[in-house]
Amino acid sequence: MSDYTAVLNNWLAVPGYFEQETYVLCGEIINDKRGRFLSRQLIRTSPIKMTDFPIHSLKVGDIVTTENSKYLLGDKAT
């Protein structure tokens, strides 16, 4: 069993809208195990929990946690 709900490719971290010093990820979702999104659909996550990683250190292979999901980070947007 994998430890994530979906893969997020071509992602960018952007400042969140609801709380100061929060970030969301925008990107292309792949393999959503809950079936919420179509493959390759562009999404914006809910605010990410930054207890494990400083925002500027996120990289391919990290697993990022939001309120209800865990995303495996694929390729970062260029």
PDB file of N, CA and C in Angstrom:
ATOM      1  N   MET A   1       0.848  -1.193   0.000  1.00  0.00           N
ATOM      2  CA  MET A   1       0.000   0.000   0.000  1.00  0.00           C
ATOM      3  C   MET A   1       0.884   1.243   0.000  1.00  0.00           C
ATOM      4  N   SER A   2       0.568   2.168  -0.858  1.00  0.00           N
ATOM      5  CA  SER A   2       1.362   3.394  -0.939  1.00  0.00           C
ATOM      6  C   SER A   2       0.887   4.397   0.104  1.00  0.00           C
ATOM      7  N   ASP A   3       1.759   5.319   0.386  1.00  0.00           N
ATOM      8  CA  ASP A   3       1.506   6.295   1.440  1.00  0.00           C
ATOM      9  C   ASP A   3       1.043   7.640   0.880  1.00  0.00           C
ATOM     10  N   TYR A   4       0.362   7.635  -0.264  1.00  0.00           N
ATOM     11  CA  TYR A   4      -0.145   8.881  -0.842  1.00  0.00           C
ATOM     12  C   TYR A   4      -1.446   8.613  -1.584  1.00  0.00           C
ATOM     13  N   THR A   5      -2.224   9.677  -1.771  1.00  0.00           N
ATOM     14  CA  THR A   5      -3.517   9.549  -2.440  1.00  0.00           C
ATOM     15  C   THR A   5      -3.442   9.842  -3.930  1.00  0.00           C
ATOM     16  N   ALA A   6      -2.441  10.597  -4.351  1.00  0.00           N
ATOM     17  CA  ALA A   6      -2.300  10.939  -5.772  1.00  0.00           C
ATOM     18  C   ALA A   6      -0.893  11.474  -6.016  1.00  0.00           C
ATOM     19  N   VAL A   7      -0.527  11.490  -7.289  1.00  0.00           N
ATOM     20  CA  VAL A   7       0.745  12.085  -7.711  1.00  0.00           C
ATOM     21  C   VAL A   7       0.434  13.464  -8.265  1.00  0.00           C
ATOM     22  N   LEU A   8       1.279  14.424  -7.974  1.00  0.00           N
ATOM     23  CA  LEU A   8       1.111  15.777  -8.494  1.00  0.00           C
ATOM     24  C   LEU A   8       2.337  16.125  -9.332  1.00  0.00           C
ATOM     25  N   ASN A   9       2.129  16.312 -10.641  1.00  0.00           N
ATOM     26  CA  ASN A   9       3.202  16.681 -11.571  1.00  0.00           C
ATOM     27  C   ASN A   9       3.071  18.142 -11.966  1.00  0.00           C
ATOM     28  N   ASN A  10       4.155  18.673 -12.497  1.00  0.00           N
ATOM     29  CA  ASN A  10       4.186  20.069 -12.968  1.00  0.00           C
ATOM     30  C   ASN A  10       3.628  21.010 -11.900  1.00  0.00           C
ATOM     31  N   TRP A  11       4.082  20.818 -10.686  1.00  0.00           N
ATOM     32  CA  TRP A  11       3.537  21.543  -9.545  1.00  0.00           C
ATOM     33  C   TRP A  11       4.329  22.806  -9.225  1.00  0.00           C
ATOM     34  N   LEU A  12       3.627  23.726  -8.617  1.00  0.00           N
ATOM     35  CA  LEU A  12       4.197  24.970  -8.098  1.00  0.00           C
ATOM     36  C   LEU A  12       3.602  25.217  -6.723  1.00  0.00           C
ATOM     37  N   ALA A  13       4.392  25.713  -5.800  1.00  0.00           N
ATOM     38  CA  ALA A  13       3.891  26.131  -4.498  1.00  0.00           C
ATOM     39  C   ALA A  13       3.575  27.621  -4.586  1.00  0.00           C
ATOM     40  N   VAL A  14       2.369  27.985  -4.191  1.00  0.00           N
ATOM     41  CA  VAL A  14       1.954  29.386  -4.225  1.00  0.00           C
ATOM     42  C   VAL A  14       1.367  29.762  -2.870  1.00  0.00           C
ATOM     43  N   PRO A  15       1.487  31.026  -2.472  1.00  0.00           N
ATOM     44  CA  PRO A  15       0.928  31.435  -1.179  1.00  0.00           C
ATOM     45  C   PRO A  15      -0.558  31.117  -1.109  1.00  0.00           C
ATOM     46  N   GLY A  16      -0.985  30.650   0.060  1.00  0.00           N
ATOM     47  CA  GLY A  16      -2.396  30.328   0.287  1.00  0.00           C
ATOM     48  C   GLY A  16      -3.249  31.582   0.386  1.00  0.00           C
ATOM     49  N   TYR A  17      -4.538  31.375   0.329  1.00  0.00           N
ATOM     50  CA  TYR A  17      -5.465  32.495   0.324  1.00  0.00           C
ATOM     51  C   TYR A  17      -6.113  32.723   1.677  1.00  0.00           C
ATOM     52  N   PHE A  18      -6.128  31.715   2.525  1.00  0.00           N
ATOM     53  CA  PHE A  18      -6.961  31.771   3.715  1.00  0.00           C
ATOM     54  C   PHE A  18      -6.210  32.182   4.973  1.00  0.00           C
ATOM     55  N   GLU A  19      -4.966  31.797   5.079  1.00  0.00           N
ATOM     56  CA  GLU A  19      -4.194  32.093   6.272  1.00  0.00           C
ATOM     57  C   GLU A  19      -2.820  32.609   5.864  1.00  0.00           C
ATOM     58  N   GLN A  20      -2.263  33.486   6.648  1.00  0.00           N
ATOM     59  CA  GLN A  20      -0.920  33.973   6.367  1.00  0.00           C
ATOM     60  C   GLN A  20       0.079  32.841   6.547  1.00  0.00           C
ATOM     61  N   GLU A  21       1.131  32.893   5.759  1.00  0.00           N
ATOM     62  CA  GLU A  21       2.220  31.930   5.829  1.00  0.00           C
ATOM     63  C   GLU A  21       1.769  30.500   5.549  1.00  0.00           C
ATOM     64  N   THR A  22       0.753  30.328   4.713  1.00  0.00           N
ATOM     65  CA  THR A  22       0.373  29.001   4.245  1.00  0.00           C
ATOM     66  C   THR A  22       0.597  28.948   2.747  1.00  0.00           C
ATOM     67  N   TYR A  23       0.716  27.763   2.239  1.00  0.00           N
ATOM     68  CA  TYR A  23       0.913  27.559   0.809  1.00  0.00           C
ATOM     69  C   TYR A  23      -0.023  26.480   0.312  1.00  0.00           C
ATOM     70  N   VAL A  24      -0.358  26.565  -0.964  1.00  0.00           N
ATOM     71  CA  VAL A  24      -1.090  25.514  -1.667  1.00  0.00           C
ATOM     72  C   VAL A  24      -0.205  25.069  -2.826  1.00  0.00           C
ATOM     73  N   LEU A  25      -0.507  23.910  -3.376  1.00  0.00           N
ATOM     74  CA  LEU A  25       0.184  23.444  -4.568  1.00  0.00           C
ATOM     75  C   LEU A  25      -0.788  23.470  -5.729  1.00  0.00           C
ATOM     76  N   CYS A  26      -0.324  23.915  -6.864  1.00  0.00           N
ATOM     77  CA  CYS A  26      -1.092  23.854  -8.099  1.00  0.00           C
ATOM     78  C   CYS A  26      -0.340  22.913  -9.029  1.00  0.00           C
ATOM     79  N   GLY A  27      -1.073  22.044  -9.693  1.00  0.00           N
ATOM     80  CA  GLY A  27      -0.402  21.118 -10.588  1.00  0.00           C
ATOM     81  C   GLY A  27      -1.351  20.161 -11.262  1.00  0.00           C
ATOM     82  N   GLU A  28      -0.773  19.191 -11.926  1.00  0.00           N
ATOM     83  CA  GLU A  28      -1.488  18.213 -12.736  1.00  0.00           C
ATOM     84  C   GLU A  28      -1.565  16.901 -11.944  1.00  0.00           C
ATOM     85  N   ILE A  29      -2.765  16.465 -11.627  1.00  0.00           N
ATOM     86  CA  ILE A  29      -2.934  15.270 -10.802  1.00  0.00           C
ATOM     87  C   ILE A  29      -2.920  14.010 -11.659  1.00  0.00           C
ATOM     88  N   ILE A  30      -2.316  12.972 -11.120  1.00  0.00           N
ATOM     89  CA  ILE A  30      -2.250  11.676 -11.795  1.00  0.00           C
ATOM     90  C   ILE A  30      -2.546  10.602 -10.756  1.00  0.00           C
ATOM     91  N   ASN A  31      -3.296   9.597 -11.160  1.00  0.00           N
ATOM     92  CA  ASN A  31      -3.563   8.432 -10.321  1.00  0.00           C
ATOM     93  C   ASN A  31      -4.200   8.800  -8.983  1.00  0.00           C
ATOM     94  N   ASP A  32      -5.293   9.555  -9.041  1.00  0.00           N
ATOM     95  CA  ASP A  32      -6.032   9.890  -7.819  1.00  0.00           C
ATOM     96  C   ASP A  32      -6.739   8.629  -7.331  1.00  0.00           C
ATOM     97  N   LYS A  33      -6.266   8.068  -6.260  1.00  0.00           N
ATOM     98  CA  LYS A  33      -6.782   6.794  -5.764  1.00  0.00           C
ATOM     99  C   LYS A  33      -8.201   6.900  -5.226  1.00  0.00           C
ATOM    100  N   ARG A  34      -8.672   8.099  -4.977  1.00  0.00           N
ATOM    101  CA  ARG A  34     -10.044   8.292  -4.507  1.00  0.00           C
ATOM    102  C   ARG A  34     -11.015   8.582  -5.650  1.00  0.00           C
ATOM    103  N   GLY A  35     -10.491   8.730  -6.851  1.00  0.00           N
ATOM    104  CA  GLY A  35     -11.340   8.970  -8.013  1.00  0.00           C
ATOM    105  C   GLY A  35     -12.012  10.330  -8.043  1.00  0.00           C
ATOM    106  N   ARG A  36     -11.442  11.311  -7.373  1.00  0.00           N
ATOM    107  CA  ARG A  36     -12.037  12.654  -7.339  1.00  0.00           C
ATOM    108  C   ARG A  36     -11.757  13.445  -8.605  1.00  0.00           C
ATOM    109  N   PHE A  37     -10.613  13.184  -9.225  1.00  0.00           N
ATOM    110  CA  PHE A  37     -10.177  13.984 -10.368  1.00  0.00           C
ATOM    111  C   PHE A  37      -9.823  13.088 -11.543  1.00  0.00           C
ATOM    112  N   LEU A  38      -9.966  13.627 -12.737  1.00  0.00           N
ATOM    113  CA  LEU A  38      -9.512  12.938 -13.936  1.00  0.00           C
ATOM    114  C   LEU A  38      -7.988  13.001 -14.000  1.00  0.00           C
ATOM    115  N   SER A  39      -7.378  12.001 -14.604  1.00  0.00           N
ATOM    116  CA  SER A  39      -5.932  12.013 -14.766  1.00  0.00           C
ATOM    117  C   SER A  39      -5.516  13.208 -15.615  1.00  0.00           C
ATOM    118  N   ARG A  40      -4.485  13.879 -15.184  1.00  0.00           N
ATOM    119  CA  ARG A  40      -3.910  15.064 -15.827  1.00  0.00           C
ATOM    120  C   ARG A  40      -4.761  16.335 -15.659  1.00  0.00           C
ATOM    121  N   GLN A  41      -5.752  16.289 -14.792  1.00  0.00           N
ATOM    122  CA  GLN A  41      -6.551  17.478 -14.500  1.00  0.00           C
ATOM    123  C   GLN A  41      -5.718  18.440 -13.660  1.00  0.00           C
ATOM    124  N   LEU A  42      -5.835  19.733 -13.927  1.00  0.00           N
ATOM    125  CA  LEU A  42      -5.146  20.740 -13.128  1.00  0.00           C
ATOM    126  C   LEU A  42      -5.947  21.006 -11.864  1.00  0.00           C
ATOM    127  N   ILE A  43      -5.251  21.014 -10.724  1.00  0.00           N
ATOM    128  CA  ILE A  43      -5.930  21.239  -9.445  1.00  0.00           C
ATOM    129  C   ILE A  43      -5.143  22.230  -8.600  1.00  0.00           C
ATOM    130  N   ARG A  44      -5.808  22.697  -7.566  1.00  0.00           N
ATOM    131  CA  ARG A  44      -5.184  23.476  -6.488  1.00  0.00           C
ATOM    132  C   ARG A  44      -5.515  22.732  -5.212  1.00  0.00           C
ATOM    133  N   THR A  45      -4.501  22.413  -4.421  1.00  0.00           N
ATOM    134  CA  THR A  45      -4.737  21.685  -3.181  1.00  0.00           C
ATOM    135  C   THR A  45      -5.267  22.629  -2.107  1.00  0.00           C
ATOM    136  N   SER A  46      -5.734  22.050  -1.040  1.00  0.00           N
ATOM    137  CA  SER A  46      -5.992  22.840   0.155  1.00  0.00           C
ATOM    138  C   SER A  46      -4.621  23.187   0.761  1.00  0.00           C
ATOM    139  N   PRO A  47      -4.572  24.055   1.771  1.00  0.00           N
ATOM    140  CA  PRO A  47      -3.279  24.442   2.336  1.00  0.00           C
ATOM    141  C   PRO A  47      -2.466  23.215   2.754  1.00  0.00           C
ATOM    142  N   ILE A  48      -1.178  23.265   2.445  1.00  0.00           N
ATOM    143  CA  ILE A  48      -0.313  22.139   2.790  1.00  0.00           C
ATOM    144  C   ILE A  48       0.249  22.327   4.193  1.00  0.00           C
ATOM    145  N   LYS A  49       0.471  21.219   4.854  1.00  0.00           N
ATOM    146  CA  LYS A  49       1.025  21.241   6.203  1.00  0.00           C
ATOM    147  C   LYS A  49       2.539  21.219   6.084  1.00  0.00           C
ATOM    148  N   MET A  50       3.178  22.202   6.627  1.00  0.00           N
ATOM    149  CA  MET A  50       4.621  22.349   6.443  1.00  0.00           C
ATOM    150  C   MET A  50       5.408  21.869   7.655  1.00  0.00           C
ATOM    151  N   THR A  51       4.902  20.879   8.359  1.00  0.00           N
ATOM    152  CA  THR A  51       5.627  20.382   9.524  1.00  0.00           C
ATOM    153  C   THR A  51       6.847  19.569   9.128  1.00  0.00           C
ATOM    154  N   ASP A  52       6.830  18.974   7.938  1.00  0.00           N
ATOM    155  CA  ASP A  52       7.939  18.127   7.521  1.00  0.00           C
ATOM    156  C   ASP A  52       8.969  18.832   6.652  1.00  0.00           C
ATOM    157  N   PHE A  53       8.541  19.826   5.878  1.00  0.00           N
ATOM    158  CA  PHE A  53       9.425  20.454   4.898  1.00  0.00           C
ATOM    159  C   PHE A  53       9.266  21.966   4.918  1.00  0.00           C
ATOM    160  N   PRO A  54      10.364  22.720   4.878  1.00  0.00           N
ATOM    161  CA  PRO A  54      10.227  24.141   4.544  1.00  0.00           C
ATOM    162  C   PRO A  54       9.793  24.252   3.082  1.00  0.00           C
ATOM    163  N   ILE A  55       9.010  25.214   2.744  1.00  0.00           N
ATOM    164  CA  ILE A  55       8.414  25.334   1.410  1.00  0.00           C
ATOM    165  C   ILE A  55       9.472  25.351   0.312  1.00  0.00           C
ATOM    166  N   HIS A  56      10.598  25.963   0.548  1.00  0.00           N
ATOM    167  CA  HIS A  56      11.610  26.094  -0.504  1.00  0.00           C
ATOM    168  C   HIS A  56      12.452  24.834  -0.693  1.00  0.00           C
ATOM    169  N   SER A  57      12.264  23.853   0.178  1.00  0.00           N
ATOM    170  CA  SER A  57      13.036  22.624   0.033  1.00  0.00           C
ATOM    171  C   SER A  57      12.239  21.491  -0.618  1.00  0.00           C
ATOM    172  N   LEU A  58      10.973  21.736  -0.985  1.00  0.00           N
ATOM    173  CA  LEU A  58      10.168  20.677  -1.608  1.00  0.00           C
ATOM    174  C   LEU A  58      10.817  20.214  -2.902  1.00  0.00           C
ATOM    175  N   LYS A  59      10.782  18.886  -3.119  1.00  0.00           N
ATOM    176  CA  LYS A  59      11.433  18.332  -4.309  1.00  0.00           C
ATOM    177  C   LYS A  59      10.702  17.071  -4.763  1.00  0.00           C
ATOM    178  N   VAL A  60      11.054  16.599  -5.939  1.00  0.00           N
ATOM    179  CA  VAL A  60      10.503  15.371  -6.491  1.00  0.00           C
ATOM    180  C   VAL A  60      10.685  14.243  -5.480  1.00  0.00           C
ATOM    181  N   GLY A  61       9.618  13.477  -5.261  1.00  0.00           N
ATOM    182  CA  GLY A  61       9.681  12.342  -4.348  1.00  0.00           C
ATOM    183  C   GLY A  61       9.180  12.634  -2.948  1.00  0.00           C
ATOM    184  N   ASP A  62       9.039  13.922  -2.591  1.00  0.00           N
ATOM    185  CA  ASP A  62       8.485  14.264  -1.277  1.00  0.00           C
ATOM    186  C   ASP A  62       6.995  13.937  -1.257  1.00  0.00           C
ATOM    187  N   ILE A  63       6.478  13.646  -0.076  1.00  0.00           N
ATOM    188  CA  ILE A  63       5.041  13.462   0.101  1.00  0.00           C
ATOM    189  C   ILE A  63       4.551  14.625   0.944  1.00  0.00           C
ATOM    190  N   VAL A  64       3.604  15.381   0.384  1.00  0.00           N
ATOM    191  CA  VAL A  64       3.077  16.586   1.013  1.00  0.00           C
ATOM    192  C   VAL A  64       1.679  16.283   1.539  1.00  0.00           C
ATOM    193  N   THR A  65       1.405  16.712   2.761  1.00  0.00           N
ATOM    194  CA  THR A  65       0.127  16.444   3.413  1.00  0.00           C
ATOM    195  C   THR A  65      -0.746  17.692   3.427  1.00  0.00           C
ATOM    196  N   THR A  66      -2.025  17.508   3.091  1.00  0.00           N
ATOM    197  CA  THR A  66      -3.035  18.557   3.255  1.00  0.00           C
ATOM    198  C   THR A  66      -4.029  18.053   4.294  1.00  0.00           C
ATOM    199  N   GLU A  67      -5.125  18.741   4.465  1.00  0.00           N
ATOM    200  CA  GLU A  67      -6.123  18.339   5.459  1.00  0.00           C
ATOM    201  C   GLU A  67      -6.628  16.912   5.225  1.00  0.00           C
ATOM    202  N   ASN A  68      -6.868  16.550   3.963  1.00  0.00           N
ATOM    203  CA  ASN A  68      -7.484  15.252   3.667  1.00  0.00           C
ATOM    204  C   ASN A  68      -6.701  14.363   2.721  1.00  0.00           C
ATOM    205  N   SER A  69      -5.563  14.813   2.222  1.00  0.00           N
ATOM    206  CA  SER A  69      -4.842  14.054   1.199  1.00  0.00           C
ATOM    207  C   SER A  69      -3.340  14.101   1.427  1.00  0.00           C
ATOM    208  N   LYS A  70      -2.670  13.150   0.755  1.00  0.00           N
ATOM    209  CA  LYS A  70      -1.209  13.144   0.694  1.00  0.00           C
ATOM    210  C   LYS A  70      -0.834  13.038  -0.775  1.00  0.00           C
ATOM    211  N   TYR A  71       0.027  13.946  -1.223  1.00  0.00           N
ATOM    212  CA  TYR A  71       0.432  14.003  -2.625  1.00  0.00           C
ATOM    213  C   TYR A  71       1.913  13.659  -2.756  1.00  0.00           C
ATOM    214  N   LEU A  72       2.212  12.718  -3.631  1.00  0.00           N
ATOM    215  CA  LEU A  72       3.585  12.419  -3.994  1.00  0.00           C
ATOM    216  C   LEU A  72       3.985  13.429  -5.071  1.00  0.00           C
ATOM    217  N   LEU A  73       5.049  14.159  -4.844  1.00  0.00           N
ATOM    218  CA  LEU A  73       5.469  15.176  -5.809  1.00  0.00           C
ATOM    219  C   LEU A  73       6.248  14.552  -6.938  1.00  0.00           C
ATOM    220  N   GLY A  74       5.726  14.739  -8.147  1.00  0.00           N
ATOM    221  CA  GLY A  74       6.433  14.341  -9.356  1.00  0.00           C
ATOM    222  C   GLY A  74       7.269  15.515  -9.823  1.00  0.00           C
ATOM    223  N   ASP A  75       7.426  15.642 -11.127  1.00  0.00           N
ATOM    224  CA  ASP A  75       8.234  16.721 -11.693  1.00  0.00           C
ATOM    225  C   ASP A  75       7.689  18.087 -11.308  1.00  0.00           C
ATOM    226  N   LYS A  76       8.585  18.983 -10.972  1.00  0.00           N
ATOM    227  CA  LYS A  76       8.224  20.370 -10.668  1.00  0.00           C
ATOM    228  C   LYS A  76       8.049  21.132 -11.970  1.00  0.00           C
ATOM    229  N   ALA A  77       7.149  22.109 -11.987  1.00  0.00           N
ATOM    230  CA  ALA A  77       6.962  22.954 -13.166  1.00  0.00           C
ATOM    231  C   ALA A  77       8.238  23.741 -13.431  1.00  0.00           C
ATOM    232  N   THR A  78       8.497  23.965 -14.711  1.00  0.00           N
ATOM    233  CA  THR A  78       9.692  24.728 -15.060  1.00  0.00           C
ATOM    234  C   THR A  78       9.323  26.114 -15.526  1.00  0.00           C
TER     235      THR A  78
END
